Amino acid sequence: MRPKVDCFIITFDTTSHAIAMEKYCKEHQIKGRLIPVPATISAGCGICWKMTEEDYMSNQSQIQKIDYKEIHYIKL
Protein backbone atom coordinates (compact mmCIF):
# COMPACT_ATOMS: atom_id res chain seq x y z
CA MET A 1 0.00 0.00 0.00
CA ARG A 2 1.27 3.43 -0.98
CA PRO A 3 1.89 5.90 1.88
CA LYS A 4 -0.50 8.85 2.03
CA VAL A 5 0.92 12.24 1.07
CA ASP A 6 -0.32 15.80 1.46
CA CYS A 7 -1.91 17.16 -1.69
CA PHE A 8 -4.30 19.78 -2.98
CA ILE A 9 -7.69 18.75 -4.38
CA ILE A 10 -9.57 21.24 -6.55
CA THR A 11 -13.27 20.56 -6.98
CA PHE A 12 -15.65 21.79 -9.67
CA ASP A 13 -19.38 22.34 -10.10
CA THR A 14 -19.39 20.77 -13.56
CA THR A 15 -17.43 18.23 -15.54
CA SER A 16 -16.76 20.85 -18.22
CA HIS A 17 -14.96 23.01 -15.62
CA ALA A 18 -12.84 20.00 -14.62
CA ILE A 19 -11.94 19.32 -18.25
CA ALA A 20 -11.09 23.01 -18.75
CA MET A 21 -8.71 22.76 -15.78
CA GLU A 22 -7.01 19.74 -17.31
CA LYS A 23 -6.64 21.52 -20.65
CA TYR A 24 -5.33 24.72 -19.04
CA CYS A 25 -2.81 22.81 -16.95
CA LYS A 26 -1.53 20.85 -19.93
CA GLU A 27 -1.11 24.06 -21.95
CA HIS A 28 0.80 25.73 -19.09
CA GLN A 29 2.85 22.66 -18.05
CA ILE A 30 1.22 22.52 -14.60
CA LYS A 31 1.49 19.04 -13.10
CA GLY A 32 -1.54 17.23 -11.72
CA ARG A 33 -4.33 14.93 -12.84
CA LEU A 34 -8.06 14.39 -12.76
CA ILE A 35 -9.25 11.82 -10.22
CA PRO A 36 -12.60 10.77 -8.72
CA VAL A 37 -13.55 13.00 -5.78
CA PRO A 38 -12.39 11.35 -2.52
CA ALA A 39 -15.17 10.15 -0.22
CA THR A 40 -14.14 12.68 2.44
CA ILE A 41 -15.03 15.58 0.11
CA SER A 42 -18.42 16.47 -1.29
CA ALA A 43 -18.37 17.94 -4.80
CA GLY A 44 -20.80 18.57 -7.63
CA CYS A 45 -19.44 16.73 -10.64
CA GLY A 46 -17.62 13.73 -9.14
CA ILE A 47 -14.15 14.47 -10.52
CA CYS A 48 -11.45 16.77 -9.20
CA TRP A 49 -7.92 17.92 -9.92
CA LYS A 50 -5.17 16.53 -7.69
CA MET A 51 -1.74 18.10 -7.40
CA THR A 52 1.19 18.06 -5.02
CA GLU A 53 1.68 20.80 -2.49
CA GLU A 54 4.84 21.92 -4.29
CA ASP A 55 3.09 22.15 -7.67
CA TYR A 56 0.14 24.02 -6.17
CA MET A 57 2.34 26.57 -4.40
CA SER A 58 4.43 27.27 -7.48
CA ASN A 59 1.35 27.70 -9.72
CA GLN A 60 -1.19 29.18 -7.30
CA SER A 61 -1.62 32.47 -9.17
CA GLN A 62 -2.33 30.67 -12.46
CA ILE A 63 -4.82 28.28 -10.85
CA GLN A 64 -6.81 31.22 -9.50
CA LYS A 65 -7.71 32.02 -13.13
CA ILE A 66 -9.69 28.76 -13.47
CA ASP A 67 -13.37 28.41 -12.57
CA TYR A 68 -13.41 25.99 -9.62
CA LYS A 69 -15.62 25.36 -6.59
CA GLU A 70 -13.22 24.71 -3.69
CA ILE A 71 -9.62 23.87 -2.89
CA HIS A 72 -8.91 21.27 -0.22
CA TYR A 73 -5.60 20.39 1.42
CA ILE A 74 -5.77 16.71 2.39
CA LYS A 75 -3.69 13.58 2.76
CA LEU A 76 -4.30 10.97 0.03
PDB file of N, CA and C in Angstrom:
ATOM      1  N   MET A   1       0.835  -1.182   0.000  1.00  0.00           N
ATOM      2  CA  MET A   1       0.000   0.000   0.000  1.00  0.00           C
ATOM      3  C   MET A   1       0.881   1.247   0.000  1.00  0.00           C
ATOM      4  N   ARG A   2       0.519   2.184  -0.832  1.00  0.00           N
ATOM      5  CA  ARG A   2       1.266   3.427  -0.977  1.00  0.00           C
ATOM      6  C   ARG A   2       1.044   4.331   0.244  1.00  0.00           C
ATOM      7  N   PRO A   3       2.096   4.976   0.749  1.00  0.00           N
ATOM      8  CA  PRO A   3       1.893   5.896   1.879  1.00  0.00           C
ATOM      9  C   PRO A   3       1.106   7.130   1.443  1.00  0.00           C
ATOM     10  N   LYS A   4       0.280   7.654   2.342  1.00  0.00           N
ATOM     11  CA  LYS A   4      -0.501   8.850   2.029  1.00  0.00           C
ATOM     12  C   LYS A   4       0.413  10.070   2.062  1.00  0.00           C
ATOM     13  N   VAL A   5       0.143  11.004   1.141  1.00  0.00           N
ATOM     14  CA  VAL A   5       0.922  12.242   1.074  1.00  0.00           C
ATOM     15  C   VAL A   5      -0.022  13.436   1.042  1.00  0.00           C
ATOM     16  N   ASP A   6       0.469  14.575   1.502  1.00  0.00           N
ATOM     17  CA  ASP A   6      -0.318  15.804   1.458  1.00  0.00           C
ATOM     18  C   ASP A   6      -0.465  16.259   0.011  1.00  0.00           C
ATOM     19  N   CYS A   7      -1.673  16.678  -0.338  1.00  0.00           N
ATOM     20  CA  CYS A   7      -1.913  17.164  -1.688  1.00  0.00           C
ATOM     21  C   CYS A   7      -3.050  18.167  -1.685  1.00  0.00           C
ATOM     22  N   PHE A   8      -3.198  18.845  -2.791  1.00  0.00           N
ATOM     23  CA  PHE A   8      -4.302  19.776  -2.984  1.00  0.00           C
ATOM     24  C   PHE A   8      -5.311  19.138  -3.924  1.00  0.00           C
ATOM     25  N   ILE A   9      -6.579  19.251  -3.567  1.00  0.00           N
ATOM     26  CA  ILE A   9      -7.690  18.754  -4.375  1.00  0.00           C
ATOM     27  C   ILE A   9      -8.538  19.959  -4.759  1.00  0.00           C
ATOM     28  N   ILE A  10      -8.754  20.126  -6.042  1.00  0.00           N
ATOM     29  CA  ILE A  10      -9.565  21.240  -6.546  1.00  0.00           C
ATOM     30  C   ILE A  10     -10.846  20.644  -7.106  1.00  0.00           C
ATOM     31  N   THR A  11     -11.977  21.085  -6.557  1.00  0.00           N
ATOM     32  CA  THR A  11     -13.272  20.556  -6.983  1.00  0.00           C
ATOM     33  C   THR A  11     -13.974  21.543  -7.909  1.00  0.00           C
ATOM     34  N   PHE A  12     -14.939  21.014  -8.652  1.00  0.00           N
ATOM     35  CA  PHE A  12     -15.649  21.795  -9.666  1.00  0.00           C
ATOM     36  C   PHE A  12     -17.149  21.537  -9.584  1.00  0.00           C
ATOM     37  N   ASP A  13     -17.932  22.509 -10.041  1.00  0.00           N
ATOM     38  CA  ASP A  13     -19.381  22.339 -10.099  1.00  0.00           C
ATOM     39  C   ASP A  13     -19.802  21.466 -11.276  1.00  0.00           C
ATOM     40  N   THR A  14     -19.028  21.519 -12.362  1.00  0.00           N
ATOM     41  CA  THR A  14     -19.395  20.769 -13.561  1.00  0.00           C
ATOM     42  C   THR A  14     -18.189  20.023 -14.129  1.00  0.00           C
ATOM     43  N   THR A  15     -18.487  18.989 -14.873  1.00  0.00           N
ATOM     44  CA  THR A  15     -17.428  18.232 -15.539  1.00  0.00           C
ATOM     45  C   THR A  15     -16.700  19.100 -16.556  1.00  0.00           C
ATOM     46  N   SER A  16     -17.413  19.994 -17.219  1.00  0.00           N
ATOM     47  CA  SER A  16     -16.762  20.849 -18.217  1.00  0.00           C
ATOM     48  C   SER A  16     -15.718  21.763 -17.559  1.00  0.00           C
ATOM     49  N   HIS A  17     -15.962  22.206 -16.337  1.00  0.00           N
ATOM     50  CA  HIS A  17     -14.960  23.008 -15.624  1.00  0.00           C
ATOM     51  C   HIS A  17     -13.728  22.157 -15.292  1.00  0.00           C
ATOM     52  N   ALA A  18     -13.950  20.904 -14.918  1.00  0.00           N
ATOM     53  CA  ALA A  18     -12.835  20.002 -14.618  1.00  0.00           C
ATOM     54  C   ALA A  18     -11.994  19.751 -15.870  1.00  0.00           C
ATOM     55  N   ILE A  19     -12.648  19.540 -16.988  1.00  0.00           N
ATOM     56  CA  ILE A  19     -11.938  19.320 -18.254  1.00  0.00           C
ATOM     57  C   ILE A  19     -11.189  20.580 -18.669  1.00  0.00           C
ATOM     58  N   ALA A  20     -11.774  21.747 -18.428  1.00  0.00           N
ATOM     59  CA  ALA A  20     -11.095  23.011 -18.745  1.00  0.00           C
ATOM     60  C   ALA A  20      -9.837  23.152 -17.900  1.00  0.00           C
ATOM     61  N   MET A  21      -9.894  22.724 -16.647  1.00  0.00           N
ATOM     62  CA  MET A  21      -8.714  22.764 -15.776  1.00  0.00           C
ATOM     63  C   MET A  21      -7.618  21.868 -16.335  1.00  0.00           C
ATOM     64  N   GLU A  22      -7.992  20.671 -16.743  1.00  0.00           N
ATOM     65  CA  GLU A  22      -7.011  19.743 -17.314  1.00  0.00           C
ATOM     66  C   GLU A  22      -6.356  20.348 -18.559  1.00  0.00           C
ATOM     67  N   LYS A  23      -7.155  20.918 -19.424  1.00  0.00           N
ATOM     68  CA  LYS A  23      -6.640  21.523 -20.652  1.00  0.00           C
ATOM     69  C   LYS A  23      -5.705  22.698 -20.329  1.00  0.00           C
ATOM     70  N   TYR A  24      -6.138  23.563 -19.422  1.00  0.00           N
ATOM     71  CA  TYR A  24      -5.334  24.723 -19.037  1.00  0.00           C
ATOM     72  C   TYR A  24      -3.988  24.273 -18.450  1.00  0.00           C
ATOM     73  N   CYS A  25      -4.036  23.284 -17.580  1.00  0.00           N
ATOM     74  CA  CYS A  25      -2.807  22.814 -16.947  1.00  0.00           C
ATOM     75  C   CYS A  25      -1.856  22.173 -17.953  1.00  0.00           C
ATOM     76  N   LYS A  26      -2.389  21.437 -18.902  1.00  0.00           N
ATOM     77  CA  LYS A  26      -1.531  20.850 -19.934  1.00  0.00           C
ATOM     78  C   LYS A  26      -0.872  21.942 -20.773  1.00  0.00           C
ATOM     79  N   GLU A  27      -1.647  22.960 -21.136  1.00  0.00           N
ATOM     80  CA  GLU A  27      -1.114  24.061 -21.952  1.00  0.00           C
ATOM     81  C   GLU A  27      -0.040  24.855 -21.217  1.00  0.00           C
ATOM     82  N   HIS A  28      -0.132  24.926 -19.896  1.00  0.00           N
ATOM     83  CA  HIS A  28       0.796  25.729 -19.095  1.00  0.00           C
ATOM     84  C   HIS A  28       1.793  24.875 -18.306  1.00  0.00           C
ATOM     85  N   GLN A  29       1.916  23.600 -18.671  1.00  0.00           N
ATOM     86  CA  GLN A  29       2.850  22.660 -18.049  1.00  0.00           C
ATOM     87  C   GLN A  29       2.718  22.644 -16.512  1.00  0.00           C
ATOM     88  N   ILE A  30       1.484  22.625 -16.022  1.00  0.00           N
ATOM     89  CA  ILE A  30       1.217  22.522 -14.595  1.00  0.00           C
ATOM     90  C   ILE A  30       0.906  21.058 -14.299  1.00  0.00           C
ATOM     91  N   LYS A  31       1.653  20.458 -13.394  1.00  0.00           N
ATOM     92  CA  LYS A  31       1.493  19.038 -13.097  1.00  0.00           C
ATOM     93  C   LYS A  31       0.254  18.792 -12.237  1.00  0.00           C
ATOM     94  N   GLY A  32      -0.364  17.659 -12.467  1.00  0.00           N
ATOM     95  CA  GLY A  32      -1.538  17.228 -11.724  1.00  0.00           C
ATOM     96  C   GLY A  32      -2.346  16.287 -12.588  1.00  0.00           C
ATOM     97  N   ARG A  33      -3.495  15.841 -12.052  1.00  0.00           N
ATOM     98  CA  ARG A  33      -4.332  14.935 -12.837  1.00  0.00           C
ATOM     99  C   ARG A  33      -5.757  14.938 -12.305  1.00  0.00           C
ATOM    100  N   LEU A  34      -6.672  14.541 -13.161  1.00  0.00           N
ATOM    101  CA  LEU A  34      -8.059  14.389 -12.760  1.00  0.00           C
ATOM    102  C   LEU A  34      -8.225  13.041 -12.070  1.00  0.00           C
ATOM    103  N   ILE A  35      -8.968  13.040 -10.956  1.00  0.00           N
ATOM    104  CA  ILE A  35      -9.254  11.815 -10.216  1.00  0.00           C
ATOM    105  C   ILE A  35     -10.704  11.870  -9.739  1.00  0.00           C
ATOM    106  N   PRO A  36     -11.273  10.732  -9.344  1.00  0.00           N
ATOM    107  CA  PRO A  36     -12.601  10.770  -8.718  1.00  0.00           C
ATOM    108  C   PRO A  36     -12.506  11.538  -7.386  1.00  0.00           C
ATOM    109  N   VAL A  37     -13.553  12.251  -7.043  1.00  0.00           N
ATOM    110  CA  VAL A  37     -13.554  13.000  -5.783  1.00  0.00           C
ATOM    111  C   VAL A  37     -13.453  12.017  -4.621  1.00  0.00           C
ATOM    112  N   PRO A  38     -12.502  12.231  -3.693  1.00  0.00           N
ATOM    113  CA  PRO A  38     -12.386  11.347  -2.522  1.00  0.00           C
ATOM    114  C   PRO A  38     -13.674  11.369  -1.689  1.00  0.00           C
ATOM    115  N   ALA A  39     -13.940  10.279  -1.011  1.00  0.00           N
ATOM    116  CA  ALA A  39     -15.167  10.149  -0.221  1.00  0.00           C
ATOM    117  C   ALA A  39     -15.262  11.188   0.894  1.00  0.00           C
ATOM    118  N   THR A  40     -14.137  11.703   1.350  1.00  0.00           N
ATOM    119  CA  THR A  40     -14.136  12.679   2.442  1.00  0.00           C
ATOM    120  C   THR A  40     -14.542  14.077   1.988  1.00  0.00           C
ATOM    121  N   ILE A  41     -14.668  14.269   0.670  1.00  0.00           N
ATOM    122  CA  ILE A  41     -15.026  15.576   0.108  1.00  0.00           C
ATOM    123  C   ILE A  41     -16.334  15.447  -0.663  1.00  0.00           C
ATOM    124  N   SER A  42     -17.175  16.433  -0.530  1.00  0.00           N
ATOM    125  CA  SER A  42     -18.423  16.470  -1.286  1.00  0.00           C
ATOM    126  C   SER A  42     -18.253  17.476  -2.426  1.00  0.00           C
ATOM    127  N   ALA A  43     -18.521  17.045  -3.652  1.00  0.00           N
ATOM    128  CA  ALA A  43     -18.369  17.942  -4.801  1.00  0.00           C
ATOM    129  C   ALA A  43     -19.428  17.647  -5.845  1.00  0.00           C
ATOM    130  N   GLY A  44     -19.714  18.645  -6.659  1.00  0.00           N
ATOM    131  CA  GLY A  44     -20.797  18.571  -7.629  1.00  0.00           C
ATOM    132  C   GLY A  44     -20.642  17.560  -8.740  1.00  0.00           C
ATOM    133  N   CYS A  45     -19.508  17.524  -9.405  1.00  0.00           N
ATOM    134  CA  CYS A  45     -19.443  16.733 -10.638  1.00  0.00           C
ATOM    135  C   CYS A  45     -18.813  15.359 -10.469  1.00  0.00           C
ATOM    136  N   GLY A  46     -18.183  15.061  -9.353  1.00  0.00           N
ATOM    137  CA  GLY A  46     -17.625  13.732  -9.136  1.00  0.00           C
ATOM    138  C   GLY A  46     -16.171  13.555  -9.530  1.00  0.00           C
ATOM    139  N   ILE A  47     -15.581  14.545 -10.228  1.00  0.00           N
ATOM    140  CA  ILE A  47     -14.151  14.473 -10.523  1.00  0.00           C
ATOM    141  C   ILE A  47     -13.482  15.751 -10.021  1.00  0.00           C
ATOM    142  N   CYS A  48     -12.195  15.629  -9.744  1.00  0.00           N
ATOM    143  CA  CYS A  48     -11.448  16.767  -9.204  1.00  0.00           C
ATOM    144  C   CYS A  48     -10.023  16.733  -9.738  1.00  0.00           C
ATOM    145  N   TRP A  49      -9.307  17.808  -9.495  1.00  0.00           N
ATOM    146  CA  TRP A  49      -7.915  17.920  -9.918  1.00  0.00           C
ATOM    147  C   TRP A  49      -7.035  17.722  -8.697  1.00  0.00           C
ATOM    148  N   LYS A  50      -6.089  16.808  -8.780  1.00  0.00           N
ATOM    149  CA  LYS A  50      -5.171  16.526  -7.687  1.00  0.00           C
ATOM    150  C   LYS A  50      -3.783  16.987  -8.083  1.00  0.00           C
ATOM    151  N   MET A  51      -3.121  17.677  -7.151  1.00  0.00           N
ATOM    152  CA  MET A  51      -1.744  18.098  -7.399  1.00  0.00           C
ATOM    153  C   MET A  51      -0.963  18.128  -6.099  1.00  0.00           C
ATOM    154  N   THR A  52       0.347  18.034  -6.209  1.00  0.00           N
ATOM    155  CA  THR A  52       1.186  18.063  -5.022  1.00  0.00           C
ATOM    156  C   THR A  52       1.195  19.465  -4.420  1.00  0.00           C
ATOM    157  N   GLU A  53       1.575  19.513  -3.168  1.00  0.00           N
ATOM    158  CA  GLU A  53       1.676  20.804  -2.487  1.00  0.00           C
ATOM    159  C   GLU A  53       2.682  21.709  -3.198  1.00  0.00           C
ATOM    160  N   GLU A  54       3.796  21.156  -3.588  1.00  0.00           N
ATOM    161  CA  GLU A  54       4.835  21.919  -4.289  1.00  0.00           C
ATOM    162  C   GLU A  54       4.319  22.504  -5.607  1.00  0.00           C
ATOM    163  N   ASP A  55       3.625  21.679  -6.387  1.00  0.00           N
ATOM    164  CA  ASP A  55       3.085  22.148  -7.669  1.00  0.00           C
ATOM    165  C   ASP A  55       2.013  23.211  -7.464  1.00  0.00           C
ATOM    166  N   TYR A  56       1.185  23.025  -6.448  1.00  0.00           N
ATOM    167  CA  TYR A  56       0.140  24.022  -6.173  1.00  0.00           C
ATOM    168  C   TYR A  56       0.771  25.360  -5.785  1.00  0.00           C
ATOM    169  N   MET A  57       1.720  25.324  -4.874  1.00  0.00           N
ATOM    170  CA  MET A  57       2.339  26.572  -4.398  1.00  0.00           C
ATOM    171  C   MET A  57       3.061  27.319  -5.516  1.00  0.00           C
ATOM    172  N   SER A  58       3.694  26.605  -6.410  1.00  0.00           N
ATOM    173  CA  SER A  58       4.428  27.273  -7.480  1.00  0.00           C
ATOM    174  C   SER A  58       3.519  27.758  -8.618  1.00  0.00           C
ATOM    175  N   ASN A  59       2.270  27.308  -8.650  1.00  0.00           N
ATOM    176  CA  ASN A  59       1.346  27.702  -9.719  1.00  0.00           C
ATOM    177  C   ASN A  59       0.049  28.319  -9.199  1.00  0.00           C
ATOM    178  N   GLN A  60       0.030  28.702  -7.946  1.00  0.00           N
ATOM    179  CA  GLN A  60      -1.188  29.184  -7.298  1.00  0.00           C
ATOM    180  C   GLN A  60      -1.831  30.357  -8.034  1.00  0.00           C
ATOM    181  N   SER A  61      -1.051  31.304  -8.494  1.00  0.00           N
ATOM    182  CA  SER A  61      -1.625  32.474  -9.175  1.00  0.00           C
ATOM    183  C   SER A  61      -2.286  32.081 -10.492  1.00  0.00           C
ATOM    184  N   GLN A  62      -1.726  31.116 -11.197  1.00  0.00           N
ATOM    185  CA  GLN A  62      -2.330  30.668 -12.457  1.00  0.00           C
ATOM    186  C   GLN A  62      -3.612  29.887 -12.203  1.00  0.00           C
ATOM    187  N   ILE A  63      -3.637  29.094 -11.153  1.00  0.00           N
ATOM    188  CA  ILE A  63      -4.815  28.283 -10.845  1.00  0.00           C
ATOM    189  C   ILE A  63      -5.998  29.161 -10.472  1.00  0.00           C
ATOM    190  N   GLN A  64      -5.734  30.307  -9.891  1.00  0.00           N
ATOM    191  CA  GLN A  64      -6.815  31.218  -9.503  1.00  0.00           C
ATOM    192  C   GLN A  64      -7.597  31.722 -10.717  1.00  0.00           C
ATOM    193  N   LYS A  65      -7.050  31.574 -11.907  1.00  0.00           N
ATOM    194  CA  LYS A  65      -7.713  32.019 -13.133  1.00  0.00           C
ATOM    195  C   LYS A  65      -8.778  31.030 -13.613  1.00  0.00           C
ATOM    196  N   ILE A  66      -8.782  29.824 -13.053  1.00  0.00           N
ATOM    197  CA  ILE A  66      -9.692  28.763 -13.472  1.00  0.00           C
ATOM    198  C   ILE A  66     -10.973  28.812 -12.647  1.00  0.00           C
ATOM    199  N   ASP A  67     -12.082  28.442 -13.268  1.00  0.00           N
ATOM    200  CA  ASP A  67     -13.374  28.408 -12.574  1.00  0.00           C
ATOM    201  C   ASP A  67     -13.475  27.098 -11.789  1.00  0.00           C
ATOM    202  N   TYR A  68     -13.334  27.175 -10.478  1.00  0.00           N
ATOM    203  CA  TYR A  68     -13.413  25.995  -9.621  1.00  0.00           C
ATOM    204  C   TYR A  68     -14.362  26.266  -8.464  1.00  0.00           C
ATOM    205  N   LYS A  69     -14.706  25.214  -7.727  1.00  0.00           N
ATOM    206  CA  LYS A  69     -15.615  25.363  -6.591  1.00  0.00           C
ATOM    207  C   LYS A  69     -14.841  25.575  -5.301  1.00  0.00           C
ATOM    208  N   GLU A  70     -13.975  24.629  -4.938  1.00  0.00           N
ATOM    209  CA  GLU A  70     -13.224  24.706  -3.688  1.00  0.00           C
ATOM    210  C   GLU A  70     -11.849  24.095  -3.853  1.00  0.00           C
ATOM    211  N   ILE A  71     -10.948  24.474  -2.959  1.00  0.00           N
ATOM    212  CA  ILE A  71      -9.620  23.874  -2.893  1.00  0.00           C
ATOM    213  C   ILE A  71      -9.470  23.268  -1.513  1.00  0.00           C
ATOM    214  N   HIS A  72      -9.070  22.002  -1.479  1.00  0.00           N
ATOM    215  CA  HIS A  72      -8.906  21.265  -0.222  1.00  0.00           C
ATOM    216  C   HIS A  72      -7.456  20.817  -0.095  1.00  0.00           C
ATOM    217  N   TYR A  73      -6.935  20.896   1.119  1.00  0.00           N
ATOM    218  CA  TYR A  73      -5.601  20.391   1.416  1.00  0.00           C
ATOM    219  C   TYR A  73      -5.802  19.140   2.260  1.00  0.00           C
ATOM    220  N   ILE A  74      -5.520  17.976   1.687  1.00  0.00           N
ATOM    221  CA  ILE A  74      -5.770  16.707   2.393  1.00  0.00           C
ATOM    222  C   ILE A  74      -4.620  15.735   2.176  1.00  0.00           C
ATOM    223  N   LYS A  75      -4.679  14.641   2.904  1.00  0.00           N
ATOM    224  CA  LYS A  75      -3.692  13.577   2.764  1.00  0.00           C
ATOM    225  C   LYS A  75      -4.345  12.433   2.001  1.00  0.00           C
ATOM    226  N   LEU A  76      -3.796  12.095   0.852  1.00  0.00           N
ATOM    227  CA  LEU A  76      -4.300  10.970   0.031  1.00  0.00           C
ATOM    228  C   LEU A  76      -3.187   9.995  -0.260  1.00  0.00           C
TER     229      LEU A  76
END
